[in-house]
């Protein structure tokens, strides 16, 4: 299944301000996501509550990337630490 992947403007701004290590780790995780979006390292899951329209993947132990699905497009919306995203 071919999927379009888009990085939202907000995501691009957040990733550019993230530590270089996180930028590289996200790139690796995105490649893994494209190969197998259910890979255990990603811990890909739908969120609940006020973030219920988003899904989350692990970038590192503490960093998460949140995405939404719009038609046939996956839109990465925000990236940040667990405490930044889920306050």
PDB file of N, CA and C in Angstrom:
ATOM      1  N   UNK A   1       0.839  -1.192   0.000  1.00  0.00           N
ATOM      2  CA  UNK A   1       0.000   0.000   0.000  1.00  0.00           C
ATOM      3  C   UNK A   1       0.877   1.245   0.000  1.00  0.00           C
ATOM      4  N   UNK A   2       0.662   2.082  -0.956  1.00  0.00           N
ATOM      5  CA  UNK A   2       1.434   3.312  -1.071  1.00  0.00           C
ATOM      6  C   UNK A   2       0.770   4.406  -0.248  1.00  0.00           C
ATOM      7  N   UNK A   3       1.568   5.094   0.529  1.00  0.00           N
ATOM      8  CA  UNK A   3       1.029   6.159   1.369  1.00  0.00           C
ATOM      9  C   UNK A   3       1.779   7.448   1.123  1.00  0.00           C
ATOM     10  N   UNK A   4       1.045   8.529   1.161  1.00  0.00           N
ATOM     11  CA  UNK A   4       1.675   9.835   1.126  1.00  0.00           C
ATOM     12  C   UNK A   4       2.006  10.238   2.559  1.00  0.00           C
ATOM     13  N   UNK A   5       3.194  10.754   2.752  1.00  0.00           N
ATOM     14  CA  UNK A   5       3.610  11.239   4.060  1.00  0.00           C
ATOM     15  C   UNK A   5       3.866  12.732   3.934  1.00  0.00           C
ATOM     16  N   UNK A   6       3.270  13.491   4.831  1.00  0.00           N
ATOM     17  CA  UNK A   6       3.441  14.941   4.829  1.00  0.00           C
ATOM     18  C   UNK A   6       3.887  15.362   6.222  1.00  0.00           C
ATOM     19  N   UNK A   7       4.820  16.301   6.284  1.00  0.00           N
ATOM     20  CA  UNK A   7       5.213  16.913   7.551  1.00  0.00           C
ATOM     21  C   UNK A   7       4.559  18.288   7.599  1.00  0.00           C
ATOM     22  N   UNK A   8       3.687  18.494   8.574  1.00  0.00           N
ATOM     23  CA  UNK A   8       2.986  19.776   8.673  1.00  0.00           C
ATOM     24  C   UNK A   8       4.002  20.895   8.911  1.00  0.00           C
ATOM     25  N   UNK A   9       3.592  22.110   8.647  1.00  0.00           N
ATOM     26  CA  UNK A   9       4.465  23.265   8.872  1.00  0.00           C
ATOM     27  C   UNK A   9       4.912  23.317  10.339  1.00  0.00           C
ATOM     28  N   UNK A  10       3.966  23.065  11.241  1.00  0.00           N
ATOM     29  CA  UNK A  10       4.296  23.065  12.675  1.00  0.00           C
ATOM     30  C   UNK A  10       5.324  21.974  12.988  1.00  0.00           C
ATOM     31  N   UNK A  11       5.132  20.787  12.415  1.00  0.00           N
ATOM     32  CA  UNK A  11       6.071  19.688  12.636  1.00  0.00           C
ATOM     33  C   UNK A  11       7.468  20.070  12.135  1.00  0.00           C
ATOM     34  N   UNK A  12       7.532  20.650  10.948  1.00  0.00           N
ATOM     35  CA  UNK A  12       8.821  21.044  10.380  1.00  0.00           C
ATOM     36  C   UNK A  12       9.539  22.054  11.279  1.00  0.00           C
ATOM     37  N   UNK A  13       8.776  22.975  11.856  1.00  0.00           N
ATOM     38  CA  UNK A  13       9.360  23.968  12.753  1.00  0.00           C
ATOM     39  C   UNK A  13       9.879  23.288  14.027  1.00  0.00           C
ATOM     40  N   UNK A  14       9.063  22.388  14.584  1.00  0.00           N
ATOM     41  CA  UNK A  14       9.461  21.700  15.821  1.00  0.00           C
ATOM     42  C   UNK A  14      10.678  20.803  15.606  1.00  0.00           C
ATOM     43  N   UNK A  15      10.700  20.055  14.509  1.00  0.00           N
ATOM     44  CA  UNK A  15      11.820  19.143  14.261  1.00  0.00           C
ATOM     45  C   UNK A  15      13.099  19.934  14.005  1.00  0.00           C
ATOM     46  N   UNK A  16      12.987  21.072  13.343  1.00  0.00           N
ATOM     47  CA  UNK A  16      14.189  21.877  13.063  1.00  0.00           C
ATOM     48  C   UNK A  16      14.779  22.458  14.341  1.00  0.00           C
ATOM     49  N   UNK A  17      13.942  22.635  15.372  1.00  0.00           N
ATOM     50  CA  UNK A  17      14.416  23.161  16.659  1.00  0.00           C
ATOM     51  C   UNK A  17      14.811  22.051  17.634  1.00  0.00           C
ATOM     52  N   UNK A  18      14.599  20.813  17.243  1.00  0.00           N
ATOM     53  CA  UNK A  18      14.929  19.673  18.102  1.00  0.00           C
ATOM     54  C   UNK A  18      16.423  19.380  18.035  1.00  0.00           C
ATOM     55  N   UNK A  19      16.951  18.704  19.056  1.00  0.00           N
ATOM     56  CA  UNK A  19      18.366  18.314  19.009  1.00  0.00           C
ATOM     57  C   UNK A  19      18.659  17.464  17.771  1.00  0.00           C
ATOM     58  N   UNK A  20      19.872  17.598  17.240  1.00  0.00           N
ATOM     59  CA  UNK A  20      20.280  16.860  16.037  1.00  0.00           C
ATOM     60  C   UNK A  20      20.045  15.363  16.202  1.00  0.00           C
ATOM     61  N   UNK A  21      20.325  14.846  17.391  1.00  0.00           N
ATOM     62  CA  UNK A  21      20.129  13.421  17.668  1.00  0.00           C
ATOM     63  C   UNK A  21      18.670  13.014  17.428  1.00  0.00           C
ATOM     64  N   UNK A  22      17.748  13.864  17.835  1.00  0.00           N
ATOM     65  CA  UNK A  22      16.319  13.587  17.667  1.00  0.00           C
ATOM     66  C   UNK A  22      15.949  13.649  16.184  1.00  0.00           C
ATOM     67  N   UNK A  23      16.505  14.613  15.458  1.00  0.00           N
ATOM     68  CA  UNK A  23      16.236  14.724  14.021  1.00  0.00           C
ATOM     69  C   UNK A  23      16.663  13.446  13.295  1.00  0.00           C
ATOM     70  N   UNK A  24      17.851  12.957  13.628  1.00  0.00           N
ATOM     71  CA  UNK A  24      18.352  11.734  12.989  1.00  0.00           C
ATOM     72  C   UNK A  24      17.521  10.519  13.396  1.00  0.00           C
ATOM     73  N   UNK A  25      17.142  10.469  14.678  1.00  0.00           N
ATOM     74  CA  UNK A  25      16.343   9.347  15.165  1.00  0.00           C
ATOM     75  C   UNK A  25      14.971   9.332  14.497  1.00  0.00           C
ATOM     76  N   UNK A  26      14.369  10.524  14.304  1.00  0.00           N
ATOM     77  CA  UNK A  26      13.074  10.571  13.632  1.00  0.00           C
ATOM     78  C   UNK A  26      13.199  10.051  12.201  1.00  0.00           C
ATOM     79  N   UNK A  27      14.261  10.448  11.517  1.00  0.00           N
ATOM     80  CA  UNK A  27      14.471   9.984  10.147  1.00  0.00           C
ATOM     81  C   UNK A  27      14.523   8.456  10.102  1.00  0.00           C
ATOM     82  N   UNK A  28      15.248   7.855  11.057  1.00  0.00           N
ATOM     83  CA  UNK A  28      15.312   6.388  11.144  1.00  0.00           C
ATOM     84  C   UNK A  28      13.946   5.783  11.425  1.00  0.00           C
ATOM     85  N   UNK A  29      13.225   6.387  12.360  1.00  0.00           N
ATOM     86  CA  UNK A  29      11.904   5.862  12.720  1.00  0.00           C
ATOM     87  C   UNK A  29      10.917   6.011  11.567  1.00  0.00           C
ATOM     88  N   UNK A  30      11.037   7.087  10.809  1.00  0.00           N
ATOM     89  CA  UNK A  30      10.147   7.286   9.664  1.00  0.00           C
ATOM     90  C   UNK A  30      10.397   6.196   8.611  1.00  0.00           C
ATOM     91  N   UNK A  31      11.661   5.858   8.374  1.00  0.00           N
ATOM     92  CA  UNK A  31      11.972   4.774   7.435  1.00  0.00           C
ATOM     93  C   UNK A  31      11.372   3.457   7.923  1.00  0.00           C
ATOM     94  N   UNK A  32      11.497   3.201   9.219  1.00  0.00           N
ATOM     95  CA  UNK A  32      10.921   1.995   9.806  1.00  0.00           C
ATOM     96  C   UNK A  32       9.400   2.007   9.655  1.00  0.00           C
ATOM     97  N   UNK A  33       8.782   3.157   9.902  1.00  0.00           N
ATOM     98  CA  UNK A  33       7.336   3.333   9.771  1.00  0.00           C
ATOM     99  C   UNK A  33       6.880   3.007   8.350  1.00  0.00           C
ATOM    100  N   UNK A  34       7.652   3.463   7.369  1.00  0.00           N
ATOM    101  CA  UNK A  34       7.292   3.221   5.974  1.00  0.00           C
ATOM    102  C   UNK A  34       7.415   1.741   5.610  1.00  0.00           C
ATOM    103  N   UNK A  35       8.378   1.045   6.224  1.00  0.00           N
ATOM    104  CA  UNK A  35       8.549  -0.391   5.973  1.00  0.00           C
ATOM    105  C   UNK A  35       7.471  -1.212   6.676  1.00  0.00           C
ATOM    106  N   UNK A  36       7.199  -0.847   7.944  1.00  0.00           N
ATOM    107  CA  UNK A  36       6.251  -1.613   8.761  1.00  0.00           C
ATOM    108  C   UNK A  36       5.725  -0.712   9.870  1.00  0.00           C
ATOM    109  N   UNK A  37       4.540  -0.128   9.646  1.00  0.00           N
ATOM    110  CA  UNK A  37       4.022   0.820  10.640  1.00  0.00           C
ATOM    111  C   UNK A  37       3.591   0.159  11.950  1.00  0.00           C
ATOM    112  N   UNK A  38       3.650  -1.153  12.003  1.00  0.00           N
ATOM    113  CA  UNK A  38       3.315  -1.883  13.239  1.00  0.00           C
ATOM    114  C   UNK A  38       4.559  -2.465  13.927  1.00  0.00           C
ATOM    115  N   UNK A  39       5.739  -2.041  13.520  1.00  0.00           N
ATOM    116  CA  UNK A  39       6.972  -2.536  14.136  1.00  0.00           C
ATOM    117  C   UNK A  39       6.938  -2.229  15.643  1.00  0.00           C
ATOM    118  N   UNK A  40       7.321  -3.202  16.475  1.00  0.00           N
ATOM    119  CA  UNK A  40       7.248  -3.008  17.928  1.00  0.00           C
ATOM    120  C   UNK A  40       8.035  -1.788  18.450  1.00  0.00           C
ATOM    121  N   UNK A  41       9.132  -1.443  17.812  1.00  0.00           N
ATOM    122  CA  UNK A  41       9.911  -0.277  18.266  1.00  0.00           C
ATOM    123  C   UNK A  41       9.112   1.019  18.191  1.00  0.00           C
ATOM    124  N   UNK A  42       8.164   1.083  17.275  1.00  0.00           N
ATOM    125  CA  UNK A  42       7.388   2.306  17.096  1.00  0.00           C
ATOM    126  C   UNK A  42       6.315   2.485  18.160  1.00  0.00           C
ATOM    127  N   UNK A  43       5.837   1.381  18.722  1.00  0.00           N
ATOM    128  CA  UNK A  43       4.713   1.425  19.666  1.00  0.00           C
ATOM    129  C   UNK A  43       3.593   2.302  19.099  1.00  0.00           C
ATOM    130  N   UNK A  44       3.264   2.088  17.832  1.00  0.00           N
ATOM    131  CA  UNK A  44       2.264   2.883  17.124  1.00  0.00           C
ATOM    132  C   UNK A  44       0.885   2.623  17.725  1.00  0.00           C
ATOM    133  N   UNK A  45       0.226   3.697  18.175  1.00  0.00           N
ATOM    134  CA  UNK A  45      -1.107   3.524  18.756  1.00  0.00           C
ATOM    135  C   UNK A  45      -1.923   4.802  18.633  1.00  0.00           C
ATOM    136  N   UNK A  46      -3.232   4.600  18.644  1.00  0.00           N
ATOM    137  CA  UNK A  46      -4.167   5.728  18.605  1.00  0.00           C
ATOM    138  C   UNK A  46      -4.250   6.324  20.004  1.00  0.00           C
ATOM    139  N   UNK A  47      -4.354   7.639  20.049  1.00  0.00           N
ATOM    140  CA  UNK A  47      -4.470   8.312  21.339  1.00  0.00           C
ATOM    141  C   UNK A  47      -5.934   8.437  21.732  1.00  0.00           C
ATOM    142  N   UNK A  48      -6.161   8.807  22.969  1.00  0.00           N
ATOM    143  CA  UNK A  48      -7.523   8.947  23.489  1.00  0.00           C
ATOM    144  C   UNK A  48      -7.700  10.360  24.040  1.00  0.00           C
ATOM    145  N   UNK A  49      -8.910  10.643  24.480  1.00  0.00           N
ATOM    146  CA  UNK A  49      -9.197  11.945  25.088  1.00  0.00           C
ATOM    147  C   UNK A  49      -9.132  13.067  24.076  1.00  0.00           C
ATOM    148  N   UNK A  50      -8.549  14.202  24.503  1.00  0.00           N
ATOM    149  CA  UNK A  50      -8.538  15.374  23.625  1.00  0.00           C
ATOM    150  C   UNK A  50      -7.638  15.194  22.407  1.00  0.00           C
ATOM    151  N   UNK A  51      -6.791  14.173  22.410  1.00  0.00           N
ATOM    152  CA  UNK A  51      -5.904  13.904  21.270  1.00  0.00           C
ATOM    153  C   UNK A  51      -6.374  12.703  20.458  1.00  0.00           C
ATOM    154  N   UNK A  52      -7.652  12.353  20.570  1.00  0.00           N
ATOM    155  CA  UNK A  52      -8.149  11.108  19.965  1.00  0.00           C
ATOM    156  C   UNK A  52      -8.062  11.047  18.451  1.00  0.00           C
ATOM    157  N   UNK A  53      -7.885  12.196  17.786  1.00  0.00           N
ATOM    158  CA  UNK A  53      -7.756  12.169  16.323  1.00  0.00           C
ATOM    159  C   UNK A  53      -6.328  11.879  15.871  1.00  0.00           C
ATOM    160  N   UNK A  54      -5.414  11.699  16.842  1.00  0.00           N
ATOM    161  CA  UNK A  54      -4.007  11.468  16.519  1.00  0.00           C
ATOM    162  C   UNK A  54      -3.544  10.062  16.868  1.00  0.00           C
ATOM    163  N   UNK A  55      -2.457   9.677  16.206  1.00  0.00           N
ATOM    164  CA  UNK A  55      -1.733   8.454  16.518  1.00  0.00           C
ATOM    165  C   UNK A  55      -0.342   8.868  16.971  1.00  0.00           C
ATOM    166  N   UNK A  56       0.315   7.997  17.734  1.00  0.00           N
ATOM    167  CA  UNK A  56       1.640   8.311  18.266  1.00  0.00           C
ATOM    168  C   UNK A  56       2.625   7.210  17.899  1.00  0.00           C
ATOM    169  N   UNK A  57       3.858   7.615  17.554  1.00  0.00           N
ATOM    170  CA  UNK A  57       4.946   6.643  17.429  1.00  0.00           C
ATOM    171  C   UNK A  57       6.093   7.112  18.316  1.00  0.00           C
ATOM    172  N   UNK A  58       6.860   6.140  18.822  1.00  0.00           N
ATOM    173  CA  UNK A  58       8.026   6.455  19.621  1.00  0.00           C
ATOM    174  C   UNK A  58       9.177   6.857  18.708  1.00  0.00           C
ATOM    175  N   UNK A  59       9.841   7.952  19.049  1.00  0.00           N
ATOM    176  CA  UNK A  59      11.060   8.362  18.354  1.00  0.00           C
ATOM    177  C   UNK A  59      12.250   7.905  19.191  1.00  0.00           C
ATOM    178  N   UNK A  60      12.179   8.187  20.496  1.00  0.00           N
ATOM    179  CA  UNK A  60      13.145   7.664  21.474  1.00  0.00           C
ATOM    180  C   UNK A  60      12.328   7.214  22.673  1.00  0.00           C
ATOM    181  N   UNK A  61      12.998   6.919  23.769  1.00  0.00           N
ATOM    182  CA  UNK A  61      12.275   6.538  24.979  1.00  0.00           C
ATOM    183  C   UNK A  61      11.316   7.612  25.444  1.00  0.00           C
ATOM    184  N   UNK A  62      11.689   8.887  25.263  1.00  0.00           N
ATOM    185  CA  UNK A  62      10.859   9.989  25.757  1.00  0.00           C
ATOM    186  C   UNK A  62      10.204  10.814  24.649  1.00  0.00           C
ATOM    187  N   UNK A  63      10.753  10.809  23.447  1.00  0.00           N
ATOM    188  CA  UNK A  63      10.224  11.634  22.365  1.00  0.00           C
ATOM    189  C   UNK A  63       9.175  10.887  21.553  1.00  0.00           C
ATOM    190  N   UNK A  64       8.106  11.599  21.183  1.00  0.00           N
ATOM    191  CA  UNK A  64       7.015  11.038  20.396  1.00  0.00           C
ATOM    192  C   UNK A  64       6.750  11.919  19.182  1.00  0.00           C
ATOM    193  N   UNK A  65       6.290  11.296  18.115  1.00  0.00           N
ATOM    194  CA  UNK A  65       5.802  12.021  16.940  1.00  0.00           C
ATOM    195  C   UNK A  65       4.329  11.667  16.785  1.00  0.00           C
ATOM    196  N   UNK A  66       3.488  12.694  16.692  1.00  0.00           N
ATOM    197  CA  UNK A  66       2.050  12.473  16.551  1.00  0.00           C
ATOM    198  C   UNK A  66       1.640  12.748  15.111  1.00  0.00           C
ATOM    199  N   UNK A  67       0.772  11.881  14.605  1.00  0.00           N
ATOM    200  CA  UNK A  67       0.302  12.056  13.236  1.00  0.00           C
ATOM    201  C   UNK A  67      -1.195  11.828  13.158  1.00  0.00           C
ATOM    202  N   UNK A  68      -1.764  12.338  12.068  1.00  0.00           N
ATOM    203  CA  UNK A  68      -3.173  12.103  11.784  1.00  0.00           C
ATOM    204  C   UNK A  68      -3.257  11.478  10.397  1.00  0.00           C
ATOM    205  N   UNK A  69      -4.406  10.891  10.114  1.00  0.00           N
ATOM    206  CA  UNK A  69      -4.628  10.298   8.801  1.00  0.00           C
ATOM    207  C   UNK A  69      -5.748  11.081   8.135  1.00  0.00           C
ATOM    208  N   UNK A  70      -5.416  11.670   6.982  1.00  0.00           N
ATOM    209  CA  UNK A  70      -6.389  12.476   6.242  1.00  0.00           C
ATOM    210  C   UNK A  70      -6.488  11.902   4.837  1.00  0.00           C
ATOM    211  N   UNK A  71      -7.593  11.238   4.573  1.00  0.00           N
ATOM    212  CA  UNK A  71      -7.789  10.504   3.321  1.00  0.00           C
ATOM    213  C   UNK A  71      -6.668   9.456   3.201  1.00  0.00           C
ATOM    214  N   UNK A  72      -5.861   9.516   2.159  1.00  0.00           N
ATOM    215  CA  UNK A  72      -4.776   8.553   1.988  1.00  0.00           C
ATOM    216  C   UNK A  72      -3.434   9.128   2.409  1.00  0.00           C
ATOM    217  N   UNK A  73      -3.464  10.199   3.185  1.00  0.00           N
ATOM    218  CA  UNK A  73      -2.236  10.891   3.564  1.00  0.00           C
ATOM    219  C   UNK A  73      -2.019  10.818   5.069  1.00  0.00           C
ATOM    220  N   UNK A  74      -0.790  10.514   5.439  1.00  0.00           N
ATOM    221  CA  UNK A  74      -0.385  10.542   6.843  1.00  0.00           C
ATOM    222  C   UNK A  74       0.307  11.877   7.066  1.00  0.00           C
ATOM    223  N   UNK A  75      -0.229  12.645   8.009  1.00  0.00           N
ATOM    224  CA  UNK A  75       0.318  13.974   8.282  1.00  0.00           C
ATOM    225  C   UNK A  75       0.948  13.971   9.670  1.00  0.00           C
ATOM    226  N   UNK A  76       2.275  14.081   9.710  1.00  0.00           N
ATOM    227  CA  UNK A  76       2.945  14.222  11.000  1.00  0.00           C
ATOM    228  C   UNK A  76       2.731  15.650  11.467  1.00  0.00           C
ATOM    229  N   UNK A  77       2.085  15.778  12.632  1.00  0.00           N
ATOM    230  CA  UNK A  77       1.613  17.080  13.115  1.00  0.00           C
ATOM    231  C   UNK A  77       2.567  17.732  14.115  1.00  0.00           C
ATOM    232  N   UNK A  78       3.008  16.975  15.127  1.00  0.00           N
ATOM    233  CA  UNK A  78       3.883  17.528  16.160  1.00  0.00           C
ATOM    234  C   UNK A  78       4.880  16.479  16.616  1.00  0.00           C
ATOM    235  N   UNK A  79       5.997  16.969  17.165  1.00  0.00           N
ATOM    236  CA  UNK A  79       6.998  16.106  17.775  1.00  0.00           C
ATOM    237  C   UNK A  79       7.432  16.779  19.063  1.00  0.00           C
ATOM    238  N   UNK A  80       7.691  15.969  20.077  1.00  0.00           N
ATOM    239  CA  UNK A  80       8.143  16.519  21.355  1.00  0.00           C
ATOM    240  C   UNK A  80       8.315  15.428  22.377  1.00  0.00           C
ATOM    241  N   UNK A  81       8.714  15.837  23.571  1.00  0.00           N
ATOM    242  CA  UNK A  81       8.859  14.858  24.639  1.00  0.00           C
ATOM    243  C   UNK A  81       7.471  14.463  25.149  1.00  0.00           C
ATOM    244  N   UNK A  82       7.427  13.356  25.836  1.00  0.00           N
ATOM    245  CA  UNK A  82       6.168  12.868  26.394  1.00  0.00           C
ATOM    246  C   UNK A  82       5.513  13.948  27.229  1.00  0.00           C
ATOM    247  N   UNK A  83       6.286  14.615  28.105  1.00  0.00           N
ATOM    248  CA  UNK A  83       5.693  15.630  28.991  1.00  0.00           C
ATOM    249  C   UNK A  83       5.246  16.867  28.222  1.00  0.00           C
ATOM    250  N   UNK A  84       5.921  17.216  27.119  1.00  0.00           N
ATOM    251  CA  UNK A  84       5.497  18.368  26.318  1.00  0.00           C
ATOM    252  C   UNK A  84       4.165  18.097  25.628  1.00  0.00           C
ATOM    253  N   UNK A  85       3.986  16.880  25.133  1.00  0.00           N
ATOM    254  CA  UNK A  85       2.815  16.565  24.319  1.00  0.00           C
ATOM    255  C   UNK A  85       1.582  16.219  25.138  1.00  0.00           C
ATOM    256  N   UNK A  86       1.776  15.605  26.294  1.00  0.00           N
ATOM    257  CA  UNK A  86       0.628  15.077  27.051  1.00  0.00           C
ATOM    258  C   UNK A  86       0.369  15.802  28.345  1.00  0.00           C
ATOM    259  N   UNK A  87       0.538  17.119  28.343  1.00  0.00           N
ATOM    260  CA  UNK A  87       0.269  17.852  29.593  1.00  0.00           C
ATOM    261  C   UNK A  87      -1.176  18.235  29.721  1.00  0.00           C
TER     262      UNK A  87
END
